[in-house]
């Protein structure tokens, strides 16, 4: 348990910054569905949506109720039980979708995921490299850029050494975002920290809920903290 608490402390310690930032409170739902299509190939479809929870203006602007739509399609090559690759995946994201000044982002990405078992849980490393095509409607601008993301995660069964159907688990991760080219003031411009409790069902996959803390550094004068309650459902079809 002390190892678990220490790991969670490391995850959330990245959220300690100055207080002169904009604070946003949102609810996030996400669904991840995976299906084997060939012997070593899976197809993963992931979608999420953010909703604003607080009726508050920032710099004279009212955040929309529907903040962000996101969908990912990733053909995954399973090299082994601990290592898999996405050689060419696709992401579509629309921010502020209900307003005229929304912006669209299309991404192509490559990804590697490596997992290993320890005595207290399963540690996962995920590295993703993204090529970003951004279209901002107000003012009319188009950007090209690249970004590198690294996620460190830990999943711990709470009712034994292995996670079985009908059991609870603890899941936590921290993801670091680095701008490698294109528009953006800060190189290390985002950090996502999450910790949640999940339940492994027998037929319907995993259901999970917990707090997600996001920090976005646009530049040194524009720092935004997002505090979200995240609900997740993930299922691997046989």
C-alpha atoms as a PDB file:
ATOM      1  CA  UNK A   1       0.000   0.000   0.000  1.00  0.00           C
ATOM      2  CA  UNK A   2       2.879   2.386   0.738  1.00  0.00           C
ATOM      3  CA  UNK A   3       4.262   1.756  -2.758  1.00  0.00           C
ATOM      4  CA  UNK A   4       0.842   2.530  -4.213  1.00  0.00           C
ATOM      5  CA  UNK A   5       0.518   5.793  -2.298  1.00  0.00           C
ATOM      6  CA  UNK A   6       4.053   6.812  -3.253  1.00  0.00           C
ATOM      7  CA  UNK A   7       3.357   6.200  -6.948  1.00  0.00           C
ATOM      8  CA  UNK A   8       0.124   8.211  -6.789  1.00  0.00           C
ATOM      9  CA  UNK A   9       2.027  11.035  -5.067  1.00  0.00           C
ATOM     10  CA  UNK A  10       4.530  11.119  -7.935  1.00  0.00           C
ATOM     11  CA  UNK A  11       1.678  11.246 -10.445  1.00  0.00           C
ATOM     12  CA  UNK A  12      -0.116  14.184  -8.844  1.00  0.00           C
ATOM     13  CA  UNK A  13       2.948  16.119  -7.674  1.00  0.00           C
ATOM     14  CA  UNK A  14       3.201  17.600 -11.194  1.00  0.00           C
ATOM     15  CA  UNK A  15       0.042  19.634 -10.549  1.00  0.00           C
ATOM     16  CA  UNK A  16       1.655  21.962  -8.003  1.00  0.00           C
ATOM     17  CA  UNK A  17       2.129  25.281  -9.780  1.00  0.00           C
ATOM     18  CA  UNK A  18       1.371  28.917  -9.120  1.00  0.00           C
ATOM     19  CA  UNK A  19      -2.172  29.972  -8.353  1.00  0.00           C
ATOM     20  CA  UNK A  20      -2.496  32.699 -11.028  1.00  0.00           C
ATOM     21  CA  UNK A  21      -4.120  30.446 -13.592  1.00  0.00           C
ATOM     22  CA  UNK A  22      -7.552  29.971 -15.093  1.00  0.00           C
ATOM     23  CA  UNK A  23      -9.489  27.165 -13.449  1.00  0.00           C
ATOM     24  CA  UNK A  24     -11.965  25.006 -15.395  1.00  0.00           C
ATOM     25  CA  UNK A  25     -14.224  22.252 -14.062  1.00  0.00           C
ATOM     26  CA  UNK A  26     -15.473  19.610 -16.466  1.00  0.00           C
ATOM     27  CA  UNK A  27     -16.942  16.127 -16.771  1.00  0.00           C
ATOM     28  CA  UNK A  28     -15.256  13.750 -19.208  1.00  0.00           C
ATOM     29  CA  UNK A  29     -16.674  10.532 -20.636  1.00  0.00           C
ATOM     30  CA  UNK A  30     -14.572   8.151 -22.690  1.00  0.00           C
ATOM     31  CA  UNK A  31     -15.118   4.796 -24.407  1.00  0.00           C
ATOM     32  CA  UNK A  32     -12.414   2.441 -25.674  1.00  0.00           C
ATOM     33  CA  UNK A  33     -13.389  -0.561 -27.821  1.00  0.00           C
ATOM     34  CA  UNK A  34     -10.866  -3.119 -29.126  1.00  0.00           C
ATOM     35  CA  UNK A  35     -11.426  -5.982 -31.572  1.00  0.00           C
ATOM     36  CA  UNK A  36      -8.965  -8.521 -32.945  1.00  0.00           C
ATOM     37  CA  UNK A  37      -9.037  -8.400 -36.753  1.00  0.00           C
ATOM     38  CA  UNK A  38      -6.068 -10.643 -37.635  1.00  0.00           C
ATOM     39  CA  UNK A  39      -3.750 -12.986 -35.763  1.00  0.00           C
ATOM     40  CA  UNK A  40      -1.496 -10.253 -34.360  1.00  0.00           C
ATOM     41  CA  UNK A  41      -3.596  -7.211 -35.197  1.00  0.00           C
ATOM     42  CA  UNK A  42      -6.226  -5.399 -33.131  1.00  0.00           C
ATOM     43  CA  UNK A  43      -8.339  -2.398 -34.070  1.00  0.00           C
ATOM     44  CA  UNK A  44      -8.896   0.128 -31.282  1.00  0.00           C
ATOM     45  CA  UNK A  45     -11.563   2.851 -31.493  1.00  0.00           C
ATOM     46  CA  UNK A  46     -11.495   5.436 -28.720  1.00  0.00           C
ATOM     47  CA  UNK A  47     -13.841   8.379 -28.243  1.00  0.00           C
ATOM     48  CA  UNK A  48     -14.264  11.014 -25.554  1.00  0.00           C
ATOM     49  CA  UNK A  49     -16.295  14.147 -24.850  1.00  0.00           C
ATOM     50  CA  UNK A  50     -15.777  16.952 -22.340  1.00  0.00           C
ATOM     51  CA  UNK A  51     -18.612  18.977 -20.809  1.00  0.00           C
ATOM     52  CA  UNK A  52     -18.253  22.205 -18.842  1.00  0.00           C
ATOM     53  CA  UNK A  53     -19.667  22.030 -15.284  1.00  0.00           C
ATOM     54  CA  UNK A  54     -19.366  25.641 -14.076  1.00  0.00           C
ATOM     55  CA  UNK A  55     -21.291  28.699 -15.276  1.00  0.00           C
ATOM     56  CA  UNK A  56     -18.403  31.176 -15.134  1.00  0.00           C
ATOM     57  CA  UNK A  57     -16.784  33.627 -17.560  1.00  0.00           C
ATOM     58  CA  UNK A  58     -13.038  33.904 -18.193  1.00  0.00           C
ATOM     59  CA  UNK A  59     -11.663  37.120 -19.666  1.00  0.00           C
ATOM     60  CA  UNK A  60     -15.208  38.048 -20.702  1.00  0.00           C
ATOM     61  CA  UNK A  61     -15.837  34.728 -22.463  1.00  0.00           C
ATOM     62  CA  UNK A  62     -18.287  32.022 -21.476  1.00  0.00           C
ATOM     63  CA  UNK A  63     -16.944  28.470 -21.928  1.00  0.00           C
ATOM     64  CA  UNK A  64     -19.328  26.280 -23.948  1.00  0.00           C
ATOM     65  CA  UNK A  65     -21.247  23.438 -22.369  1.00  0.00           C
ATOM     66  CA  UNK A  66     -19.852  20.990 -24.898  1.00  0.00           C
ATOM     67  CA  UNK A  67     -16.122  21.680 -24.738  1.00  0.00           C
ATOM     68  CA  UNK A  68     -14.447  19.020 -26.846  1.00  0.00           C
ATOM     69  CA  UNK A  69     -15.116  16.009 -29.095  1.00  0.00           C
ATOM     70  CA  UNK A  70     -12.392  13.448 -29.774  1.00  0.00           C
ATOM     71  CA  UNK A  71     -12.095  10.189 -31.716  1.00  0.00           C
ATOM     72  CA  UNK A  72      -9.096   7.895 -32.286  1.00  0.00           C
ATOM     73  CA  UNK A  73      -8.670   4.950 -34.652  1.00  0.00           C
ATOM     74  CA  UNK A  74      -5.571   2.834 -34.043  1.00  0.00           C
ATOM     75  CA  UNK A  75      -4.649  -0.422 -35.826  1.00  0.00           C
ATOM     76  CA  UNK A  76      -2.409  -2.151 -33.262  1.00  0.00           C
ATOM     77  CA  UNK A  77       0.282  -4.733 -33.963  1.00  0.00           C
ATOM     78  CA  UNK A  78       0.818  -7.093 -30.994  1.00  0.00           C
ATOM     79  CA  UNK A  79       4.491  -8.049 -31.020  1.00  0.00           C
ATOM     80  CA  UNK A  80       4.107  -9.835 -27.675  1.00  0.00           C
ATOM     81  CA  UNK A  81       1.862  -9.804 -24.593  1.00  0.00           C
ATOM     82  CA  UNK A  82       3.964  -6.929 -23.207  1.00  0.00           C
ATOM     83  CA  UNK A  83       4.736  -4.924 -26.351  1.00  0.00           C
ATOM     84  CA  UNK A  84       2.553  -3.468 -29.115  1.00  0.00           C
ATOM     85  CA  UNK A  85       2.827  -0.838 -31.837  1.00  0.00           C
ATOM     86  CA  UNK A  86       0.620   1.540 -33.814  1.00  0.00           C
ATOM     87  CA  UNK A  87       2.494   2.338 -37.018  1.00  0.00           C
ATOM     88  CA  UNK A  88      -0.165   4.667 -38.442  1.00  0.00           C
ATOM     89  CA  UNK A  89      -3.151   5.860 -36.411  1.00  0.00           C
ATOM     90  CA  UNK A  90      -5.620   8.730 -36.831  1.00  0.00           C
ATOM     91  CA  UNK A  91      -7.141  11.231 -34.385  1.00  0.00           C
ATOM     92  CA  UNK A  92      -9.838  13.854 -34.949  1.00  0.00           C
ATOM     93  CA  UNK A  93     -10.519  16.544 -32.332  1.00  0.00           C
ATOM     94  CA  UNK A  94     -12.891  19.508 -32.337  1.00  0.00           C
ATOM     95  CA  UNK A  95     -12.686  22.070 -29.523  1.00  0.00           C
ATOM     96  CA  UNK A  96     -15.617  24.401 -28.729  1.00  0.00           C
ATOM     97  CA  UNK A  97     -17.777  22.525 -31.259  1.00  0.00           C
ATOM     98  CA  UNK A  98     -20.990  24.496 -30.644  1.00  0.00           C
ATOM     99  CA  UNK A  99     -19.442  27.888 -31.459  1.00  0.00           C
ATOM    100  CA  UNK A 100     -18.394  29.524 -34.733  1.00  0.00           C
ATOM    101  CA  UNK A 101     -14.831  29.973 -33.432  1.00  0.00           C
ATOM    102  CA  UNK A 102     -14.211  26.248 -33.005  1.00  0.00           C
ATOM    103  CA  UNK A 103     -10.988  24.712 -34.197  1.00  0.00           C
ATOM    104  CA  UNK A 104     -10.462  21.326 -35.780  1.00  0.00           C
ATOM    105  CA  UNK A 105      -7.404  19.164 -35.411  1.00  0.00           C
ATOM    106  CA  UNK A 106      -6.512  16.141 -37.516  1.00  0.00           C
ATOM    107  CA  UNK A 107      -3.585  14.037 -36.358  1.00  0.00           C
ATOM    108  CA  UNK A 108      -1.573  11.118 -37.624  1.00  0.00           C
ATOM    109  CA  UNK A 109       0.337   9.273 -34.917  1.00  0.00           C
ATOM    110  CA  UNK A 110       2.769   6.461 -34.206  1.00  0.00           C
ATOM    111  CA  UNK A 111       2.817   4.703 -30.842  1.00  0.00           C
ATOM    112  CA  UNK A 112       4.614   2.061 -28.800  1.00  0.00           C
ATOM    113  CA  UNK A 113       3.270   0.557 -25.546  1.00  0.00           C
ATOM    114  CA  UNK A 114       5.352  -1.594 -23.200  1.00  0.00           C
ATOM    115  CA  UNK A 115       3.961  -3.189 -20.027  1.00  0.00           C
ATOM    116  CA  UNK A 116       5.608  -5.197 -17.282  1.00  0.00           C
ATOM    117  CA  UNK A 117       4.348  -6.885 -14.118  1.00  0.00           C
ATOM    118  CA  UNK A 118       5.703  -6.064 -10.685  1.00  0.00           C
ATOM    119  CA  UNK A 119       4.767  -7.605  -7.364  1.00  0.00           C
ATOM    120  CA  UNK A 120       2.249  -4.838  -6.648  1.00  0.00           C
ATOM    121  CA  UNK A 121       0.753  -4.253 -10.111  1.00  0.00           C
ATOM    122  CA  UNK A 122       1.307  -3.712 -13.825  1.00  0.00           C
ATOM    123  CA  UNK A 123       3.357  -0.733 -15.025  1.00  0.00           C
ATOM    124  CA  UNK A 124       2.761   0.593 -18.551  1.00  0.00           C
ATOM    125  CA  UNK A 125       4.866   2.948 -20.642  1.00  0.00           C
ATOM    126  CA  UNK A 126       3.292   4.584 -23.686  1.00  0.00           C
ATOM    127  CA  UNK A 127       5.170   6.807 -26.157  1.00  0.00           C
ATOM    128  CA  UNK A 128       3.180   8.540 -28.895  1.00  0.00           C
ATOM    129  CA  UNK A 129       4.465  10.837 -31.664  1.00  0.00           C
ATOM    130  CA  UNK A 130       1.847  13.007 -33.369  1.00  0.00           C
ATOM    131  CA  UNK A 131       1.775  14.996 -36.608  1.00  0.00           C
ATOM    132  CA  UNK A 132      -0.840  17.702 -36.083  1.00  0.00           C
ATOM    133  CA  UNK A 133      -2.908  19.597 -38.681  1.00  0.00           C
ATOM    134  CA  UNK A 134      -4.798  22.392 -36.893  1.00  0.00           C
ATOM    135  CA  UNK A 135      -7.469  24.657 -38.414  1.00  0.00           C
ATOM    136  CA  UNK A 136      -8.469  27.596 -36.199  1.00  0.00           C
ATOM    137  CA  UNK A 137     -11.678  29.363 -37.311  1.00  0.00           C
ATOM    138  CA  UNK A 138     -11.320  32.648 -35.407  1.00  0.00           C
ATOM    139  CA  UNK A 139      -9.091  34.115 -36.608  1.00  0.00           C
ATOM    140  CA  UNK A 140      -8.739  31.966 -39.707  1.00  0.00           C
ATOM    141  CA  UNK A 141      -5.389  30.184 -39.269  1.00  0.00           C
ATOM    142  CA  UNK A 142      -3.861  26.841 -40.163  1.00  0.00           C
ATOM    143  CA  UNK A 143      -0.948  25.228 -38.351  1.00  0.00           C
ATOM    144  CA  UNK A 144       1.265  22.219 -38.837  1.00  0.00           C
ATOM    145  CA  UNK A 145       3.242  20.777 -35.965  1.00  0.00           C
ATOM    146  CA  UNK A 146       4.482  17.709 -34.137  1.00  0.00           C
ATOM    147  CA  UNK A 147       4.204  16.592 -30.531  1.00  0.00           C
ATOM    148  CA  UNK A 148       5.736  13.865 -28.359  1.00  0.00           C
ATOM    149  CA  UNK A 149       3.752  12.313 -25.499  1.00  0.00           C
ATOM    150  CA  UNK A 150       4.934   9.945 -22.762  1.00  0.00           C
ATOM    151  CA  UNK A 151       2.521   8.251 -20.364  1.00  0.00           C
ATOM    152  CA  UNK A 152       3.537   6.293 -17.249  1.00  0.00           C
ATOM    153  CA  UNK A 153       0.723   4.198 -15.784  1.00  0.00           C
ATOM    154  CA  UNK A 154       0.109   1.743 -12.979  1.00  0.00           C
ATOM    155  CA  UNK A 155      -2.786  -0.704 -12.538  1.00  0.00           C
ATOM    156  CA  UNK A 156      -3.110  -2.487  -9.170  1.00  0.00           C
ATOM    157  CA  UNK A 157      -5.627  -5.284  -8.379  1.00  0.00           C
ATOM    158  CA  UNK A 158      -7.355  -4.602  -5.066  1.00  0.00           C
ATOM    159  CA  UNK A 159      -8.584  -8.130  -4.329  1.00  0.00           C
ATOM    160  CA  UNK A 160      -5.585 -10.337  -5.030  1.00  0.00           C
ATOM    161  CA  UNK A 161      -2.361 -10.545  -7.028  1.00  0.00           C
ATOM    162  CA  UNK A 162      -4.170 -10.753 -10.389  1.00  0.00           C
ATOM    163  CA  UNK A 163      -7.188  -8.873 -11.722  1.00  0.00           C
ATOM    164  CA  UNK A 164     -10.084 -11.264 -12.324  1.00  0.00           C
ATOM    165  CA  UNK A 165     -13.692 -10.778 -13.332  1.00  0.00           C
ATOM    166  CA  UNK A 166     -15.854  -9.350 -10.565  1.00  0.00           C
ATOM    167  CA  UNK A 167     -12.961  -7.522  -8.871  1.00  0.00           C
ATOM    168  CA  UNK A 168     -11.985  -3.901  -8.244  1.00  0.00           C
ATOM    169  CA  UNK A 169      -8.697  -2.276  -9.198  1.00  0.00           C
ATOM    170  CA  UNK A 170      -6.808   1.002  -8.846  1.00  0.00           C
ATOM    171  CA  UNK A 171      -5.545   2.790 -11.975  1.00  0.00           C
ATOM    172  CA  UNK A 172      -3.310   5.857 -12.166  1.00  0.00           C
ATOM    173  CA  UNK A 173      -1.186   7.555 -14.807  1.00  0.00           C
ATOM    174  CA  UNK A 174       0.706  10.702 -15.654  1.00  0.00           C
ATOM    175  CA  UNK A 175       1.181  11.890 -19.226  1.00  0.00           C
ATOM    176  CA  UNK A 176       3.731  14.482 -20.356  1.00  0.00           C
ATOM    177  CA  UNK A 177       3.230  16.494 -23.575  1.00  0.00           C
ATOM    178  CA  UNK A 178       6.159  18.052 -25.460  1.00  0.00           C
ATOM    179  CA  UNK A 179       5.839  20.345 -28.497  1.00  0.00           C
ATOM    180  CA  UNK A 180       8.586  19.340 -30.948  1.00  0.00           C
ATOM    181  CA  UNK A 181       7.713  21.657 -33.851  1.00  0.00           C
ATOM    182  CA  UNK A 182       5.105  24.171 -34.994  1.00  0.00           C
ATOM    183  CA  UNK A 183       3.036  26.730 -33.090  1.00  0.00           C
ATOM    184  CA  UNK A 184       3.216  26.847 -29.307  1.00  0.00           C
ATOM    185  CA  UNK A 185       5.090  28.874 -26.716  1.00  0.00           C
ATOM    186  CA  UNK A 186       6.056  26.192 -24.182  1.00  0.00           C
ATOM    187  CA  UNK A 187       7.918  23.027 -25.118  1.00  0.00           C
ATOM    188  CA  UNK A 188       6.540  21.103 -22.116  1.00  0.00           C
ATOM    189  CA  UNK A 189       3.038  22.439 -22.631  1.00  0.00           C
ATOM    190  CA  UNK A 190       0.643  19.887 -21.081  1.00  0.00           C
ATOM    191  CA  UNK A 191       0.485  17.477 -18.165  1.00  0.00           C
ATOM    192  CA  UNK A 192      -2.336  15.037 -17.407  1.00  0.00           C
ATOM    193  CA  UNK A 193      -2.543  13.298 -14.029  1.00  0.00           C
ATOM    194  CA  UNK A 194      -5.245  10.737 -13.209  1.00  0.00           C
ATOM    195  CA  UNK A 195      -6.195   8.270 -10.462  1.00  0.00           C
ATOM    196  CA  UNK A 196      -9.360   6.173 -10.415  1.00  0.00           C
ATOM    197  CA  UNK A 197     -11.133   3.097  -9.138  1.00  0.00           C
ATOM    198  CA  UNK A 198     -12.382   0.528 -11.628  1.00  0.00           C
ATOM    199  CA  UNK A 199     -14.357  -2.693 -11.751  1.00  0.00           C
ATOM    200  CA  UNK A 200     -13.665  -5.632 -14.083  1.00  0.00           C
ATOM    201  CA  UNK A 201     -16.981  -7.103 -15.225  1.00  0.00           C
ATOM    202  CA  UNK A 202     -17.393 -10.607 -16.607  1.00  0.00           C
ATOM    203  CA  UNK A 203     -19.102  -9.633 -19.895  1.00  0.00           C
ATOM    204  CA  UNK A 204     -18.854  -5.890 -20.428  1.00  0.00           C
ATOM    205  CA  UNK A 205     -15.204  -4.989 -19.820  1.00  0.00           C
ATOM    206  CA  UNK A 206     -14.001  -2.391 -17.346  1.00  0.00           C
ATOM    207  CA  UNK A 207     -15.881   0.517 -15.808  1.00  0.00           C
ATOM    208  CA  UNK A 208     -13.835   3.218 -14.107  1.00  0.00           C
ATOM    209  CA  UNK A 209     -14.188   6.643 -12.474  1.00  0.00           C
ATOM    210  CA  UNK A 210     -11.770   9.137 -10.954  1.00  0.00           C
ATOM    211  CA  UNK A 211     -10.340  12.677 -11.010  1.00  0.00           C
ATOM    212  CA  UNK A 212      -8.253  13.903 -13.948  1.00  0.00           C
ATOM    213  CA  UNK A 213      -6.076  17.002 -13.598  1.00  0.00           C
ATOM    214  CA  UNK A 214      -4.893  18.719 -16.773  1.00  0.00           C
ATOM    215  CA  UNK A 215      -2.478  21.625 -17.007  1.00  0.00           C
ATOM    216  CA  UNK A 216      -2.104  23.446 -20.335  1.00  0.00           C
ATOM    217  CA  UNK A 217       0.678  26.026 -20.721  1.00  0.00           C
ATOM    218  CA  UNK A 218      -0.087  28.165 -23.774  1.00  0.00           C
ATOM    219  CA  UNK A 219       2.635  30.618 -22.735  1.00  0.00           C
ATOM    220  CA  UNK A 220       3.906  32.083 -19.461  1.00  0.00           C
ATOM    221  CA  UNK A 221       0.932  34.497 -19.364  1.00  0.00           C
ATOM    222  CA  UNK A 222      -1.739  31.926 -20.291  1.00  0.00           C
ATOM    223  CA  UNK A 223      -1.825  28.850 -18.039  1.00  0.00           C
ATOM    224  CA  UNK A 224      -4.994  26.797 -17.712  1.00  0.00           C
ATOM    225  CA  UNK A 225      -5.899  24.183 -15.112  1.00  0.00           C
ATOM    226  CA  UNK A 226      -8.672  21.705 -15.918  1.00  0.00           C
ATOM    227  CA  UNK A 227     -10.151  19.669 -13.066  1.00  0.00           C
ATOM    228  CA  UNK A 228     -12.298  16.867 -14.465  1.00  0.00           C
ATOM    229  CA  UNK A 229     -14.298  13.946 -13.207  1.00  0.00           C
ATOM    230  CA  UNK A 230     -13.608  11.184 -15.706  1.00  0.00           C
ATOM    231  CA  UNK A 231     -15.860   8.195 -16.403  1.00  0.00           C
ATOM    232  CA  UNK A 232     -14.457   5.413 -18.601  1.00  0.00           C
ATOM    233  CA  UNK A 233     -15.704   2.249 -20.211  1.00  0.00           C
ATOM    234  CA  UNK A 234     -13.304  -0.077 -22.021  1.00  0.00           C
ATOM    235  CA  UNK A 235     -14.059  -3.437 -23.639  1.00  0.00           C
ATOM    236  CA  UNK A 236     -12.010  -5.951 -25.607  1.00  0.00           C
ATOM    237  CA  UNK A 237     -14.238  -7.998 -27.899  1.00  0.00           C
ATOM    238  CA  UNK A 238     -13.325 -11.652 -28.382  1.00  0.00           C
END
